[in-house]
Each structure stands twice: as structure tokens, then as C-alpha cells.
Amino acid sequence: MNVIGLEQSDANVLSMWVQTLKRNLHIFVSLSPLQPEYRNHLRNFPSLVNCTTIDYYFEWPHDALCKVADHKISAGINLGEFRGGLVDAIAKIHKFNTDKAAEFATHNNIPIS
């Protein structure tokens, strides 16, 4: 605490800890707006709407998946001639998993948005 010019006391340590926590704490909540419990959560916790950032995720086109995969593996080892095939395989695996998740949800009557 002396490094930043504060006296080392319980109050200062707690204050510094709370400031650091507020700056670095992130909470992710995933709710389906199609579920009946969604309204109850919003009524009980209005800050879910007022104090959050809501991200909606849609299906990605194959080109975008390939570009992301290419970018992620570009920092790795030199793959040479295998790079294009690996990028395409990563995009296809992602698409396969997305399709299977939708199939599972449909089979088990789980609404997804």
C-alpha cells in the first residue's frame, strides 16, 4: 500500500480490493427469452436489463468461420500446405456442432433462439 502512497490500514486495503474487484469482475448470464422463467428473472432482477450488455449470436457464414480460424492459427506454427485444409476443417467442425446442438434441442423440445 505504501507504494501507491496510502497508509496500510484495514479500510484502505478493503477499499483497494473493492475497487480492483469492480474493475475486473465480469459475470456472464445466459437466458433464453423463450423460457417462461425469463420474465420472472427480469421482474426479480431489473438490473439484468438496465445494467447489462445483451449480445445476440446468430449463425456465422462459412467464410467468416474460415477467416476467424485462419487468424487464430496464424500465430502458431507454420503449417504450409496443410493450413487451408485445417482452416476448412475447423469451420466444418463448428458448423457440425451447431447443427447437432439444434437437432438435439429440437428432439428434446428445448426452445432455442
N, C-alpha and C. Protein backbone atom coordinates (compact mmCIF):
# COMPACT_ATOMS: atom_id res chain seq x y z
N MET A 1 0.82 -1.18 0.00
CA MET A 1 0.00 0.00 0.00
C MET A 1 0.87 1.26 0.00
N ASN A 2 2.04 1.17 0.62
CA ASN A 2 2.92 2.33 0.66
C ASN A 2 3.43 2.72 -0.72
N VAL A 3 3.46 1.76 -1.64
CA VAL A 3 3.94 2.03 -2.99
C VAL A 3 3.03 3.03 -3.69
N ILE A 4 1.73 2.96 -3.44
CA ILE A 4 0.80 3.89 -4.09
C ILE A 4 0.47 5.09 -3.20
N GLY A 5 1.16 5.23 -2.08
CA GLY A 5 1.00 6.40 -1.23
C GLY A 5 -0.14 6.34 -0.25
N LEU A 6 -0.64 5.17 0.07
CA LEU A 6 -1.71 5.04 1.06
C LEU A 6 -1.18 4.38 2.32
N GLU A 7 -1.73 4.80 3.44
CA GLU A 7 -1.39 4.15 4.70
C GLU A 7 -1.97 2.75 4.71
N GLN A 8 -1.22 1.80 5.25
CA GLN A 8 -1.69 0.42 5.26
C GLN A 8 -2.62 0.22 6.45
N SER A 9 -3.91 0.31 6.17
CA SER A 9 -4.92 0.09 7.20
C SER A 9 -5.98 -0.85 6.62
N ASP A 10 -6.78 -1.39 7.49
CA ASP A 10 -7.84 -2.31 7.04
C ASP A 10 -8.79 -1.62 6.07
N ALA A 11 -9.14 -0.38 6.36
CA ALA A 11 -10.08 0.34 5.49
C ALA A 11 -9.49 0.58 4.11
N ASN A 12 -8.21 0.95 4.04
CA ASN A 12 -7.57 1.20 2.74
C ASN A 12 -7.40 -0.09 1.94
N VAL A 13 -7.05 -1.17 2.63
CA VAL A 13 -6.90 -2.46 1.95
C VAL A 13 -8.25 -2.90 1.38
N LEU A 14 -9.31 -2.77 2.19
CA LEU A 14 -10.65 -3.14 1.72
C LEU A 14 -11.08 -2.25 0.56
N SER A 15 -10.83 -0.96 0.64
CA SER A 15 -11.20 -0.04 -0.43
C SER A 15 -10.47 -0.39 -1.72
N MET A 16 -9.19 -0.66 -1.62
CA MET A 16 -8.42 -1.01 -2.81
C MET A 16 -8.91 -2.33 -3.41
N TRP A 17 -9.23 -3.30 -2.53
CA TRP A 17 -9.73 -4.60 -3.01
C TRP A 17 -11.07 -4.43 -3.72
N VAL A 18 -11.97 -3.61 -3.17
CA VAL A 18 -13.29 -3.39 -3.78
C VAL A 18 -13.13 -2.69 -5.13
N GLN A 19 -12.24 -1.70 -5.22
CA GLN A 19 -12.01 -1.02 -6.49
C GLN A 19 -11.48 -1.97 -7.55
N THR A 20 -10.53 -2.81 -7.16
CA THR A 20 -9.97 -3.79 -8.09
C THR A 20 -11.03 -4.79 -8.52
N LEU A 21 -11.86 -5.23 -7.58
CA LEU A 21 -12.92 -6.18 -7.89
C LEU A 21 -13.93 -5.57 -8.87
N LYS A 22 -14.34 -4.34 -8.64
CA LYS A 22 -15.29 -3.68 -9.53
C LYS A 22 -14.73 -3.52 -10.93
N ARG A 23 -13.44 -3.27 -11.03
CA ARG A 23 -12.81 -3.06 -12.33
C ARG A 23 -12.64 -4.37 -13.10
N ASN A 24 -12.48 -5.49 -12.40
CA ASN A 24 -12.12 -6.74 -13.07
C ASN A 24 -13.20 -7.82 -13.06
N LEU A 25 -14.27 -7.65 -12.34
CA LEU A 25 -15.28 -8.70 -12.23
C LEU A 25 -16.24 -8.64 -13.42
N HIS A 26 -16.41 -9.76 -14.08
CA HIS A 26 -17.36 -9.88 -15.19
C HIS A 26 -18.21 -11.11 -14.93
N ILE A 27 -19.50 -10.97 -15.08
CA ILE A 27 -20.42 -12.08 -14.87
C ILE A 27 -21.18 -12.31 -16.16
N PHE A 28 -21.25 -13.56 -16.56
CA PHE A 28 -21.97 -13.93 -17.77
C PHE A 28 -23.22 -14.70 -17.37
N VAL A 29 -24.35 -14.26 -17.86
CA VAL A 29 -25.63 -14.92 -17.62
C VAL A 29 -26.22 -15.25 -18.97
N SER A 30 -26.63 -16.47 -19.13
CA SER A 30 -27.24 -16.89 -20.38
C SER A 30 -28.68 -17.30 -20.12
N LEU A 31 -29.61 -16.57 -20.71
CA LEU A 31 -31.03 -16.85 -20.55
C LEU A 31 -31.69 -16.90 -21.91
N SER A 32 -32.62 -17.80 -22.06
CA SER A 32 -33.39 -17.85 -23.29
C SER A 32 -34.65 -17.03 -23.12
N PRO A 33 -34.88 -16.04 -23.99
CA PRO A 33 -36.09 -15.24 -23.86
C PRO A 33 -37.37 -16.01 -24.13
N LEU A 34 -37.25 -17.22 -24.63
CA LEU A 34 -38.43 -18.03 -24.92
C LEU A 34 -38.89 -18.83 -23.70
N GLN A 35 -38.06 -18.93 -22.69
CA GLN A 35 -38.42 -19.67 -21.49
C GLN A 35 -39.34 -18.82 -20.60
N PRO A 36 -40.34 -19.45 -19.96
CA PRO A 36 -41.25 -18.68 -19.10
C PRO A 36 -40.53 -18.05 -17.89
N GLU A 37 -39.46 -18.67 -17.42
CA GLU A 37 -38.74 -18.14 -16.27
C GLU A 37 -38.06 -16.81 -16.58
N TYR A 38 -37.88 -16.50 -17.84
CA TYR A 38 -37.18 -15.28 -18.25
C TYR A 38 -37.88 -14.03 -17.69
N ARG A 39 -39.20 -13.97 -17.79
CA ARG A 39 -39.95 -12.83 -17.27
C ARG A 39 -39.79 -12.71 -15.76
N ASN A 40 -39.84 -13.86 -15.08
CA ASN A 40 -39.68 -13.83 -13.63
C ASN A 40 -38.31 -13.30 -13.23
N HIS A 41 -37.28 -13.71 -13.95
CA HIS A 41 -35.93 -13.21 -13.66
C HIS A 41 -35.88 -11.70 -13.87
N LEU A 42 -36.50 -11.21 -14.92
CA LEU A 42 -36.47 -9.77 -15.19
C LEU A 42 -37.25 -8.98 -14.15
N ARG A 43 -38.34 -9.55 -13.67
CA ARG A 43 -39.11 -8.87 -12.61
C ARG A 43 -38.32 -8.84 -11.30
N ASN A 44 -37.70 -9.96 -10.98
CA ASN A 44 -36.96 -10.05 -9.71
C ASN A 44 -35.63 -9.29 -9.74
N PHE A 45 -35.02 -9.21 -10.90
CA PHE A 45 -33.71 -8.57 -11.04
C PHE A 45 -33.73 -7.58 -12.20
N PRO A 46 -34.32 -6.40 -12.02
CA PRO A 46 -34.43 -5.44 -13.14
C PRO A 46 -33.09 -4.98 -13.68
N SER A 47 -32.03 -5.11 -12.90
CA SER A 47 -30.72 -4.69 -13.40
C SER A 47 -30.21 -5.62 -14.50
N LEU A 48 -30.85 -6.78 -14.68
CA LEU A 48 -30.48 -7.64 -15.81
C LEU A 48 -30.71 -6.93 -17.13
N VAL A 49 -31.67 -6.01 -17.16
CA VAL A 49 -31.93 -5.24 -18.38
C VAL A 49 -31.23 -3.89 -18.31
N ASN A 50 -31.29 -3.23 -17.16
CA ASN A 50 -30.78 -1.87 -17.04
C ASN A 50 -29.26 -1.77 -17.04
N CYS A 51 -28.57 -2.77 -16.53
CA CYS A 51 -27.13 -2.65 -16.30
C CYS A 51 -26.32 -3.71 -17.04
N THR A 52 -26.83 -4.20 -18.14
CA THR A 52 -26.11 -5.26 -18.84
C THR A 52 -25.96 -4.93 -20.32
N THR A 53 -25.06 -5.67 -20.93
CA THR A 53 -24.91 -5.63 -22.37
C THR A 53 -25.46 -6.95 -22.89
N ILE A 54 -26.40 -6.89 -23.79
CA ILE A 54 -27.01 -8.10 -24.31
C ILE A 54 -26.44 -8.37 -25.69
N ASP A 55 -25.86 -9.54 -25.86
CA ASP A 55 -25.31 -9.95 -27.14
C ASP A 55 -26.19 -11.06 -27.71
N TYR A 56 -26.56 -10.90 -28.95
CA TYR A 56 -27.30 -11.93 -29.65
C TYR A 56 -26.35 -12.59 -30.64
N TYR A 57 -26.34 -13.89 -30.65
CA TYR A 57 -25.43 -14.62 -31.53
C TYR A 57 -26.25 -15.32 -32.61
N PHE A 58 -25.86 -15.08 -33.83
CA PHE A 58 -26.53 -15.70 -34.96
C PHE A 58 -25.56 -16.65 -35.64
N GLU A 59 -26.08 -17.47 -36.52
CA GLU A 59 -25.24 -18.42 -37.24
C GLU A 59 -24.25 -17.67 -38.12
N TRP A 60 -23.02 -18.11 -38.08
CA TRP A 60 -21.97 -17.46 -38.86
C TRP A 60 -21.87 -18.10 -40.23
N PRO A 61 -21.60 -17.30 -41.26
CA PRO A 61 -21.36 -17.88 -42.59
C PRO A 61 -20.01 -18.60 -42.61
N HIS A 62 -19.89 -19.54 -43.53
CA HIS A 62 -18.67 -20.36 -43.64
C HIS A 62 -17.43 -19.48 -43.85
N ASP A 63 -17.55 -18.43 -44.66
CA ASP A 63 -16.40 -17.53 -44.91
C ASP A 63 -15.89 -16.91 -43.62
N ALA A 64 -16.82 -16.45 -42.78
CA ALA A 64 -16.42 -15.80 -41.52
C ALA A 64 -15.73 -16.80 -40.60
N LEU A 65 -16.27 -18.02 -40.52
CA LEU A 65 -15.64 -19.05 -39.69
C LEU A 65 -14.22 -19.34 -40.17
N CYS A 66 -14.05 -19.40 -41.48
CA CYS A 66 -12.72 -19.66 -42.05
C CYS A 66 -11.75 -18.52 -41.73
N LYS A 67 -12.23 -17.28 -41.81
CA LYS A 67 -11.36 -16.14 -41.52
C LYS A 67 -10.93 -16.13 -40.06
N VAL A 68 -11.85 -16.43 -39.16
CA VAL A 68 -11.51 -16.48 -37.74
C VAL A 68 -10.53 -17.61 -37.47
N ALA A 69 -10.78 -18.78 -38.04
CA ALA A 69 -9.87 -19.91 -37.85
C ALA A 69 -8.49 -19.59 -38.40
N ASP A 70 -8.45 -18.98 -39.57
CA ASP A 70 -7.17 -18.63 -40.18
C ASP A 70 -6.41 -17.63 -39.30
N HIS A 71 -7.12 -16.67 -38.77
CA HIS A 71 -6.49 -15.68 -37.89
C HIS A 71 -5.94 -16.34 -36.62
N LYS A 72 -6.71 -17.26 -36.04
CA LYS A 72 -6.31 -17.89 -34.78
C LYS A 72 -5.09 -18.79 -34.96
N ILE A 73 -5.00 -19.46 -36.09
CA ILE A 73 -3.84 -20.35 -36.26
C ILE A 73 -2.66 -19.65 -36.92
N SER A 74 -2.85 -18.38 -37.33
CA SER A 74 -1.75 -17.68 -37.99
C SER A 74 -0.59 -17.41 -37.04
N ALA A 75 -0.88 -17.28 -35.75
CA ALA A 75 0.18 -17.01 -34.78
C ALA A 75 0.92 -18.28 -34.37
N GLY A 76 0.40 -19.42 -34.76
CA GLY A 76 1.00 -20.69 -34.38
C GLY A 76 2.14 -21.11 -35.29
N ILE A 77 2.33 -22.39 -35.38
CA ILE A 77 3.42 -22.93 -36.20
C ILE A 77 3.11 -22.81 -37.68
N ASN A 78 4.12 -22.91 -38.50
CA ASN A 78 3.95 -22.85 -39.95
C ASN A 78 3.40 -24.19 -40.43
N LEU A 79 2.20 -24.18 -40.97
CA LEU A 79 1.55 -25.42 -41.40
C LEU A 79 1.73 -25.70 -42.88
N GLY A 80 2.22 -24.73 -43.61
CA GLY A 80 2.48 -24.93 -45.03
C GLY A 80 1.23 -25.29 -45.80
N GLU A 81 1.31 -26.38 -46.55
CA GLU A 81 0.20 -26.80 -47.42
C GLU A 81 -1.02 -27.29 -46.66
N PHE A 82 -0.87 -27.61 -45.37
CA PHE A 82 -1.99 -28.13 -44.58
C PHE A 82 -2.88 -27.03 -44.01
N ARG A 83 -2.43 -25.80 -44.10
CA ARG A 83 -3.15 -24.69 -43.49
C ARG A 83 -4.58 -24.55 -44.02
N GLY A 84 -4.76 -24.54 -45.33
CA GLY A 84 -6.09 -24.39 -45.92
C GLY A 84 -7.04 -25.50 -45.51
N GLY A 85 -6.54 -26.72 -45.51
CA GLY A 85 -7.38 -27.85 -45.10
C GLY A 85 -7.76 -27.77 -43.64
N LEU A 86 -6.83 -27.33 -42.80
CA LEU A 86 -7.12 -27.21 -41.37
C LEU A 86 -8.15 -26.12 -41.11
N VAL A 87 -8.01 -24.99 -41.79
CA VAL A 87 -8.97 -23.89 -41.64
C VAL A 87 -10.36 -24.36 -42.04
N ASP A 88 -10.46 -25.04 -43.15
CA ASP A 88 -11.76 -25.54 -43.62
C ASP A 88 -12.33 -26.58 -42.63
N ALA A 89 -11.47 -27.44 -42.11
CA ALA A 89 -11.93 -28.46 -41.15
C ALA A 89 -12.46 -27.80 -39.88
N ILE A 90 -11.79 -26.77 -39.39
CA ILE A 90 -12.26 -26.08 -38.18
C ILE A 90 -13.64 -25.47 -38.43
N ALA A 91 -13.83 -24.84 -39.58
CA ALA A 91 -15.12 -24.23 -39.90
C ALA A 91 -16.21 -25.31 -40.02
N LYS A 92 -15.88 -26.44 -40.64
CA LYS A 92 -16.87 -27.51 -40.78
C LYS A 92 -17.22 -28.14 -39.43
N ILE A 93 -16.23 -28.29 -38.56
CA ILE A 93 -16.49 -28.84 -37.22
C ILE A 93 -17.41 -27.91 -36.44
N HIS A 94 -17.16 -26.62 -36.52
CA HIS A 94 -18.03 -25.66 -35.84
C HIS A 94 -19.46 -25.75 -36.36
N LYS A 95 -19.61 -25.80 -37.67
CA LYS A 95 -20.94 -25.90 -38.28
C LYS A 95 -21.63 -27.21 -37.88
N PHE A 96 -20.87 -28.31 -37.87
CA PHE A 96 -21.41 -29.61 -37.47
C PHE A 96 -21.94 -29.55 -36.04
N ASN A 97 -21.15 -28.96 -35.13
CA ASN A 97 -21.56 -28.88 -33.73
C ASN A 97 -22.80 -28.00 -33.57
N THR A 98 -22.87 -26.91 -34.31
CA THR A 98 -24.04 -26.03 -34.26
C THR A 98 -25.28 -26.77 -34.74
N ASP A 99 -25.15 -27.51 -35.84
CA ASP A 99 -26.28 -28.27 -36.38
C ASP A 99 -26.74 -29.35 -35.40
N LYS A 100 -25.79 -30.05 -34.80
CA LYS A 100 -26.13 -31.11 -33.84
C LYS A 100 -26.79 -30.54 -32.58
N ALA A 101 -26.35 -29.37 -32.14
CA ALA A 101 -26.97 -28.74 -30.97
C ALA A 101 -28.42 -28.37 -31.29
N ALA A 102 -28.67 -27.85 -32.49
CA ALA A 102 -30.03 -27.51 -32.89
C ALA A 102 -30.89 -28.78 -33.01
N GLU A 103 -30.30 -29.83 -33.56
CA GLU A 103 -31.02 -31.11 -33.68
C GLU A 103 -31.36 -31.66 -32.30
N PHE A 104 -30.43 -31.59 -31.37
CA PHE A 104 -30.66 -32.05 -30.00
C PHE A 104 -31.78 -31.25 -29.35
N ALA A 105 -31.75 -29.92 -29.53
CA ALA A 105 -32.77 -29.07 -28.94
C ALA A 105 -34.14 -29.38 -29.52
N THR A 106 -34.21 -29.61 -30.82
CA THR A 106 -35.48 -29.94 -31.47
C THR A 106 -36.00 -31.29 -30.97
N HIS A 107 -35.13 -32.26 -30.89
CA HIS A 107 -35.51 -33.60 -30.46
C HIS A 107 -36.02 -33.62 -29.02
N ASN A 108 -35.44 -32.76 -28.17
CA ASN A 108 -35.80 -32.74 -26.76
C ASN A 108 -36.74 -31.59 -26.40
N ASN A 109 -37.33 -30.97 -27.42
CA ASN A 109 -38.30 -29.87 -27.22
C ASN A 109 -37.72 -28.74 -26.37
N ILE A 110 -36.49 -28.37 -26.65
CA ILE A 110 -35.85 -27.25 -25.96
C ILE A 110 -35.86 -26.06 -26.92
N PRO A 111 -36.60 -25.01 -26.57
CA PRO A 111 -36.62 -23.85 -27.47
C PRO A 111 -35.29 -23.13 -27.46
N ILE A 112 -34.79 -22.82 -28.65
CA ILE A 112 -33.57 -22.04 -28.76
C ILE A 112 -33.87 -20.85 -29.63
N SER A 113 -33.13 -19.79 -29.40
CA SER A 113 -33.35 -18.59 -30.20
C SER A 113 -32.16 -18.32 -31.07
